Amino acid sequence: MPELMRKRPIDDIRIIVEGKRNRLFLVPKEKAKGIVQLLDDYEIAPESITRKEAFKDLHEKNTEAGSSLKGERYTAGMTQNELAKKLGVTQADLSKMESGKRSIGKAMAKRLAEIFKTDYRVFL
């Protein structure tokens, strides 16, 4: 069967490496265990850094609220289109919120907080 026609195994692990160019890898479960073991020594405990520190590079480009939104979306592994559909807004409007060109507002912040299971005030 040609390579493009072959189905991917269901038990692949999705790994996203963020940087100048985000990269997505689908790694067989058994190989992913080795990658996790390799990275264990470099893990940063979630409670050891603040949201502000985690998204510092985004805050430099956008507003704090917008970069928190973008960071939460990245963390959830969602595209702008996926999140926009969940929110019932256009992808362009979501992009403006992330870049700080459009305010998020309290009602929208509460909807985002529900999706990302966080406090709505991080988006204000």
N, C-alpha and C. Protein backbone atom coordinates (compact mmCIF):
# COMPACT_ATOMS: atom_id res chain seq x y z
N MET A 1 0.85 -1.18 0.00
CA MET A 1 0.00 0.00 0.00
C MET A 1 0.89 1.24 0.00
N PRO A 2 0.59 2.23 -0.84
CA PRO A 2 1.41 3.45 -0.85
C PRO A 2 1.42 4.11 0.52
N GLU A 3 2.49 4.79 0.82
CA GLU A 3 2.68 5.44 2.13
C GLU A 3 1.53 6.36 2.50
N LEU A 4 1.00 7.13 1.55
CA LEU A 4 -0.06 8.07 1.84
C LEU A 4 -1.38 7.39 2.18
N MET A 5 -1.58 6.16 1.75
CA MET A 5 -2.83 5.45 1.96
C MET A 5 -2.86 4.72 3.30
N ARG A 6 -1.71 4.49 3.91
CA ARG A 6 -1.64 3.72 5.13
C ARG A 6 -2.25 4.50 6.29
N LYS A 7 -3.05 3.82 7.12
CA LYS A 7 -3.64 4.47 8.29
C LYS A 7 -2.59 4.60 9.38
N ARG A 8 -2.67 5.71 10.11
CA ARG A 8 -1.78 5.90 11.25
C ARG A 8 -2.25 5.05 12.42
N PRO A 9 -1.31 4.49 13.18
CA PRO A 9 -1.73 3.74 14.37
C PRO A 9 -2.46 4.66 15.34
N ILE A 10 -3.45 4.11 16.02
CA ILE A 10 -4.26 4.89 16.94
C ILE A 10 -3.47 5.32 18.16
N ASP A 11 -2.47 4.54 18.55
CA ASP A 11 -1.77 4.82 19.80
C ASP A 11 -0.55 5.72 19.63
N ASP A 12 -0.47 6.50 18.56
CA ASP A 12 0.61 7.47 18.40
C ASP A 12 0.43 8.60 19.41
N ILE A 13 1.54 9.16 19.86
CA ILE A 13 1.54 10.30 20.77
C ILE A 13 1.84 11.55 19.95
N ARG A 14 1.08 12.60 20.18
CA ARG A 14 1.28 13.86 19.46
C ARG A 14 2.21 14.74 20.29
N ILE A 15 3.32 15.17 19.69
CA ILE A 15 4.29 16.02 20.38
C ILE A 15 4.42 17.32 19.59
N ILE A 16 4.23 18.44 20.29
CA ILE A 16 4.36 19.75 19.65
C ILE A 16 5.59 20.43 20.21
N VAL A 17 6.47 20.88 19.33
CA VAL A 17 7.65 21.62 19.74
C VAL A 17 7.46 23.05 19.24
N GLU A 18 7.38 23.97 20.19
CA GLU A 18 7.13 25.36 19.84
C GLU A 18 8.45 26.11 19.72
N GLY A 19 8.51 27.01 18.78
CA GLY A 19 9.68 27.84 18.55
C GLY A 19 9.37 28.82 17.44
N LYS A 20 10.39 29.24 16.72
CA LYS A 20 10.14 30.15 15.59
C LYS A 20 9.21 29.48 14.59
N ARG A 21 9.38 28.18 14.46
CA ARG A 21 8.53 27.38 13.57
C ARG A 21 7.99 26.22 14.39
N ASN A 22 6.70 26.25 14.71
CA ASN A 22 6.11 25.16 15.48
C ASN A 22 6.17 23.88 14.67
N ARG A 23 6.45 22.77 15.36
CA ARG A 23 6.55 21.48 14.68
C ARG A 23 5.68 20.47 15.39
N LEU A 24 5.05 19.61 14.63
CA LEU A 24 4.18 18.57 15.17
C LEU A 24 4.75 17.21 14.78
N PHE A 25 4.86 16.31 15.76
CA PHE A 25 5.37 14.98 15.54
C PHE A 25 4.35 13.96 16.02
N LEU A 26 4.13 12.90 15.26
CA LEU A 26 3.32 11.77 15.71
C LEU A 26 4.30 10.64 15.95
N VAL A 27 4.46 10.27 17.21
CA VAL A 27 5.48 9.31 17.62
C VAL A 27 4.80 8.06 18.17
N PRO A 28 5.25 6.87 17.74
CA PRO A 28 4.68 5.65 18.32
C PRO A 28 4.84 5.67 19.84
N LYS A 29 3.83 5.16 20.53
CA LYS A 29 3.78 5.21 21.99
C LYS A 29 5.06 4.69 22.65
N GLU A 30 5.58 3.58 22.17
CA GLU A 30 6.78 2.99 22.78
C GLU A 30 8.00 3.90 22.63
N LYS A 31 8.15 4.56 21.50
CA LYS A 31 9.27 5.47 21.30
C LYS A 31 9.10 6.75 22.10
N ALA A 32 7.84 7.18 22.27
CA ALA A 32 7.57 8.40 23.03
C ALA A 32 8.01 8.25 24.48
N LYS A 33 7.93 7.05 25.03
CA LYS A 33 8.37 6.82 26.42
C LYS A 33 9.85 7.18 26.56
N GLY A 34 10.66 6.83 25.56
CA GLY A 34 12.08 7.16 25.59
C GLY A 34 12.32 8.66 25.52
N ILE A 35 11.51 9.35 24.73
CA ILE A 35 11.63 10.80 24.62
C ILE A 35 11.29 11.46 25.95
N VAL A 36 10.24 11.00 26.59
CA VAL A 36 9.83 11.55 27.89
C VAL A 36 10.93 11.31 28.92
N GLN A 37 11.52 10.13 28.93
CA GLN A 37 12.60 9.84 29.87
C GLN A 37 13.77 10.78 29.64
N LEU A 38 14.09 11.04 28.39
CA LEU A 38 15.19 11.96 28.06
C LEU A 38 14.90 13.36 28.56
N LEU A 39 13.64 13.81 28.46
CA LEU A 39 13.27 15.16 28.85
C LEU A 39 13.01 15.34 30.34
N ASP A 40 12.85 14.24 31.07
CA ASP A 40 12.54 14.31 32.50
C ASP A 40 13.50 15.22 33.28
N ASP A 41 14.78 15.18 32.97
CA ASP A 41 15.76 15.99 33.70
C ASP A 41 15.57 17.49 33.46
N TYR A 42 14.86 17.86 32.42
CA TYR A 42 14.72 19.26 32.05
C TYR A 42 13.32 19.81 32.32
N GLU A 43 12.47 19.02 32.93
CA GLU A 43 11.09 19.44 33.18
C GLU A 43 11.04 20.59 34.17
N ILE A 44 10.16 21.54 33.88
CA ILE A 44 9.89 22.65 34.78
C ILE A 44 8.52 22.38 35.37
N ALA A 45 8.46 22.28 36.69
CA ALA A 45 7.19 22.01 37.34
C ALA A 45 6.24 23.17 37.07
N PRO A 46 4.99 22.89 36.69
CA PRO A 46 4.05 23.97 36.36
C PRO A 46 3.91 25.02 37.46
N GLU A 47 4.00 24.60 38.71
CA GLU A 47 3.83 25.57 39.79
C GLU A 47 5.07 26.43 40.01
N SER A 48 6.17 26.11 39.33
CA SER A 48 7.40 26.87 39.58
C SER A 48 7.52 28.12 38.71
N ILE A 49 6.68 28.26 37.69
CA ILE A 49 6.71 29.48 36.88
C ILE A 49 5.31 30.06 36.78
N THR A 50 5.24 31.36 36.70
CA THR A 50 3.95 32.02 36.58
C THR A 50 3.51 32.07 35.13
N ARG A 51 2.25 32.34 34.93
CA ARG A 51 1.71 32.49 33.57
C ARG A 51 2.46 33.62 32.85
N LYS A 52 2.77 34.68 33.60
CA LYS A 52 3.49 35.82 33.02
C LYS A 52 4.86 35.39 32.50
N GLU A 53 5.56 34.56 33.28
CA GLU A 53 6.88 34.07 32.86
C GLU A 53 6.76 33.11 31.68
N ALA A 54 5.76 32.24 31.74
CA ALA A 54 5.60 31.24 30.69
C ALA A 54 5.31 31.87 29.33
N PHE A 55 4.55 32.95 29.32
CA PHE A 55 4.15 33.59 28.07
C PHE A 55 4.86 34.91 27.84
N LYS A 56 6.04 35.10 28.46
CA LYS A 56 6.77 36.37 28.40
C LYS A 56 7.04 36.81 26.96
N ASP A 57 7.46 35.88 26.11
CA ASP A 57 7.76 36.25 24.72
C ASP A 57 6.52 36.71 23.98
N LEU A 58 5.37 36.15 24.33
CA LEU A 58 4.12 36.59 23.71
C LEU A 58 3.69 37.96 24.23
N HIS A 59 3.94 38.23 25.53
CA HIS A 59 3.57 39.53 26.12
C HIS A 59 4.34 40.67 25.44
N GLU A 60 5.56 40.38 24.98
CA GLU A 60 6.36 41.41 24.32
C GLU A 60 5.75 41.82 22.98
N LYS A 61 5.06 40.89 22.31
CA LYS A 61 4.46 41.17 21.00
C LYS A 61 3.03 41.68 21.10
N ASN A 62 2.29 41.18 22.10
CA ASN A 62 0.86 41.45 22.20
C ASN A 62 0.53 42.00 23.59
N THR A 63 -0.75 42.22 23.83
CA THR A 63 -1.18 42.58 25.18
C THR A 63 -1.09 41.34 26.07
N GLU A 64 -1.07 41.56 27.38
CA GLU A 64 -1.01 40.43 28.30
C GLU A 64 -2.24 39.53 28.16
N ALA A 65 -3.42 40.13 28.03
CA ALA A 65 -4.64 39.35 27.86
C ALA A 65 -4.61 38.55 26.56
N GLY A 66 -4.17 39.21 25.49
CA GLY A 66 -4.10 38.54 24.20
C GLY A 66 -3.10 37.40 24.18
N SER A 67 -1.96 37.63 24.80
CA SER A 67 -0.95 36.57 24.82
C SER A 67 -1.35 35.44 25.75
N SER A 68 -2.11 35.74 26.80
CA SER A 68 -2.64 34.67 27.65
C SER A 68 -3.61 33.80 26.86
N LEU A 69 -4.43 34.45 26.05
CA LEU A 69 -5.36 33.72 25.19
C LEU A 69 -4.59 32.83 24.20
N LYS A 70 -3.61 33.41 23.55
CA LYS A 70 -2.82 32.65 22.58
C LYS A 70 -2.07 31.50 23.25
N GLY A 71 -1.50 31.77 24.41
CA GLY A 71 -0.79 30.74 25.14
C GLY A 71 -1.70 29.60 25.57
N GLU A 72 -2.89 29.93 26.05
CA GLU A 72 -3.85 28.89 26.44
C GLU A 72 -4.28 28.07 25.22
N ARG A 73 -4.47 28.75 24.10
CA ARG A 73 -4.86 28.04 22.88
C ARG A 73 -3.76 27.09 22.44
N TYR A 74 -2.51 27.56 22.46
CA TYR A 74 -1.37 26.69 22.11
C TYR A 74 -1.29 25.51 23.05
N THR A 75 -1.42 25.78 24.34
CA THR A 75 -1.32 24.72 25.34
C THR A 75 -2.39 23.66 25.11
N ALA A 76 -3.58 24.09 24.71
CA ALA A 76 -4.67 23.16 24.44
C ALA A 76 -4.53 22.47 23.08
N GLY A 77 -3.55 22.91 22.28
CA GLY A 77 -3.34 22.31 20.97
C GLY A 77 -4.44 22.63 19.97
N MET A 78 -5.01 23.82 20.10
CA MET A 78 -6.10 24.24 19.22
C MET A 78 -5.62 25.26 18.19
N THR A 79 -6.22 25.23 17.03
CA THR A 79 -5.96 26.26 16.03
C THR A 79 -6.91 27.43 16.30
N GLN A 80 -6.62 28.55 15.66
CA GLN A 80 -7.53 29.69 15.79
C GLN A 80 -8.91 29.33 15.24
N ASN A 81 -8.95 28.61 14.14
CA ASN A 81 -10.24 28.22 13.56
C ASN A 81 -11.05 27.35 14.51
N GLU A 82 -10.40 26.39 15.15
CA GLU A 82 -11.10 25.51 16.08
C GLU A 82 -11.70 26.29 17.25
N LEU A 83 -10.88 27.17 17.84
CA LEU A 83 -11.36 27.95 18.97
C LEU A 83 -12.44 28.94 18.54
N ALA A 84 -12.26 29.57 17.40
CA ALA A 84 -13.25 30.53 16.90
C ALA A 84 -14.61 29.85 16.73
N LYS A 85 -14.62 28.64 16.20
CA LYS A 85 -15.88 27.91 16.02
C LYS A 85 -16.53 27.61 17.37
N LYS A 86 -15.73 27.22 18.36
CA LYS A 86 -16.28 26.94 19.70
C LYS A 86 -16.89 28.19 20.31
N LEU A 87 -16.27 29.34 20.03
CA LEU A 87 -16.73 30.60 20.60
C LEU A 87 -17.84 31.26 19.78
N GLY A 88 -18.00 30.83 18.53
CA GLY A 88 -18.99 31.44 17.66
C GLY A 88 -18.56 32.80 17.12
N VAL A 89 -17.24 32.96 16.93
CA VAL A 89 -16.70 34.19 16.35
C VAL A 89 -15.88 33.82 15.11
N THR A 90 -15.48 34.81 14.36
CA THR A 90 -14.65 34.53 13.19
C THR A 90 -13.19 34.33 13.62
N GLN A 91 -12.44 33.66 12.78
CA GLN A 91 -11.01 33.48 13.04
C GLN A 91 -10.31 34.83 13.06
N ALA A 92 -10.76 35.76 12.22
CA ALA A 92 -10.16 37.09 12.17
C ALA A 92 -10.38 37.84 13.50
N ASP A 93 -11.57 37.71 14.07
CA ASP A 93 -11.84 38.36 15.36
C ASP A 93 -10.98 37.76 16.46
N LEU A 94 -10.82 36.45 16.45
CA LEU A 94 -9.97 35.79 17.45
C LEU A 94 -8.53 36.24 17.30
N SER A 95 -8.07 36.37 16.07
CA SER A 95 -6.71 36.84 15.81
C SER A 95 -6.50 38.24 16.38
N LYS A 96 -7.51 39.10 16.21
CA LYS A 96 -7.43 40.47 16.74
C LYS A 96 -7.37 40.46 18.27
N MET A 97 -8.11 39.54 18.89
CA MET A 97 -8.07 39.44 20.36
C MET A 97 -6.68 39.00 20.82
N GLU A 98 -6.10 38.04 20.13
CA GLU A 98 -4.78 37.54 20.50
C GLU A 98 -3.70 38.59 20.32
N SER A 99 -3.84 39.41 19.29
CA SER A 99 -2.81 40.42 19.01
C SER A 99 -3.03 41.71 19.79
N GLY A 100 -4.15 41.80 20.52
CA GLY A 100 -4.42 42.99 21.31
C GLY A 100 -5.08 44.11 20.53
N LYS A 101 -5.48 43.84 19.30
CA LYS A 101 -6.14 44.85 18.48
C LYS A 101 -7.64 44.94 18.78
N ARG A 102 -8.13 43.95 19.52
CA ARG A 102 -9.54 43.95 19.92
C ARG A 102 -9.60 43.49 21.37
N SER A 103 -10.36 44.20 22.20
CA SER A 103 -10.45 43.80 23.61
C SER A 103 -11.27 42.53 23.72
N ILE A 104 -11.03 41.79 24.79
CA ILE A 104 -11.72 40.51 24.96
C ILE A 104 -13.07 40.69 25.63
N GLY A 105 -13.17 41.52 26.64
CA GLY A 105 -14.44 41.76 27.31
C GLY A 105 -14.76 40.67 28.32
N LYS A 106 -15.55 41.04 29.31
CA LYS A 106 -15.83 40.14 30.43
C LYS A 106 -16.61 38.90 30.00
N ALA A 107 -17.64 39.09 29.19
CA ALA A 107 -18.47 37.95 28.76
C ALA A 107 -17.63 36.95 27.96
N MET A 108 -16.80 37.44 27.05
CA MET A 108 -15.94 36.56 26.25
C MET A 108 -14.89 35.90 27.15
N ALA A 109 -14.35 36.65 28.10
CA ALA A 109 -13.35 36.09 29.02
C ALA A 109 -13.94 34.93 29.80
N LYS A 110 -15.20 35.04 30.20
CA LYS A 110 -15.85 33.96 30.93
C LYS A 110 -16.05 32.73 30.04
N ARG A 111 -16.37 32.95 28.78
CA ARG A 111 -16.51 31.82 27.85
C ARG A 111 -15.17 31.14 27.62
N LEU A 112 -14.12 31.94 27.50
CA LEU A 112 -12.77 31.38 27.33
C LEU A 112 -12.34 30.60 28.57
N ALA A 113 -12.64 31.15 29.73
CA ALA A 113 -12.28 30.49 30.99
C ALA A 113 -12.96 29.13 31.11
N GLU A 114 -14.18 29.05 30.63
CA GLU A 114 -14.91 27.78 30.67
C GLU A 114 -14.25 26.75 29.75
N ILE A 115 -13.84 27.18 28.58
CA ILE A 115 -13.18 26.27 27.63
C ILE A 115 -11.83 25.80 28.16
N PHE A 116 -11.05 26.74 28.71
CA PHE A 116 -9.68 26.41 29.15
C PHE A 116 -9.58 26.03 30.63
N LYS A 117 -10.72 26.01 31.32
CA LYS A 117 -10.75 25.63 32.74
C LYS A 117 -9.78 26.47 33.57
N THR A 118 -9.94 27.78 33.47
CA THR A 118 -9.09 28.72 34.20
C THR A 118 -9.92 29.91 34.67
N ASP A 119 -9.31 30.81 35.39
CA ASP A 119 -9.97 32.02 35.88
C ASP A 119 -10.17 32.99 34.71
N TYR A 120 -11.35 33.53 34.58
CA TYR A 120 -11.65 34.44 33.46
C TYR A 120 -10.79 35.71 33.50
N ARG A 121 -10.32 36.09 34.67
CA ARG A 121 -9.56 37.36 34.80
C ARG A 121 -8.22 37.34 34.07
N VAL A 122 -7.71 36.17 33.72
CA VAL A 122 -6.43 36.13 32.99
C VAL A 122 -6.59 36.69 31.57
N PHE A 123 -7.84 36.77 31.11
CA PHE A 123 -8.09 37.26 29.75
C PHE A 123 -8.51 38.73 29.71
N LEU A 124 -8.51 39.38 30.86
CA LEU A 124 -8.91 40.80 30.92
C LEU A 124 -7.71 41.72 31.07
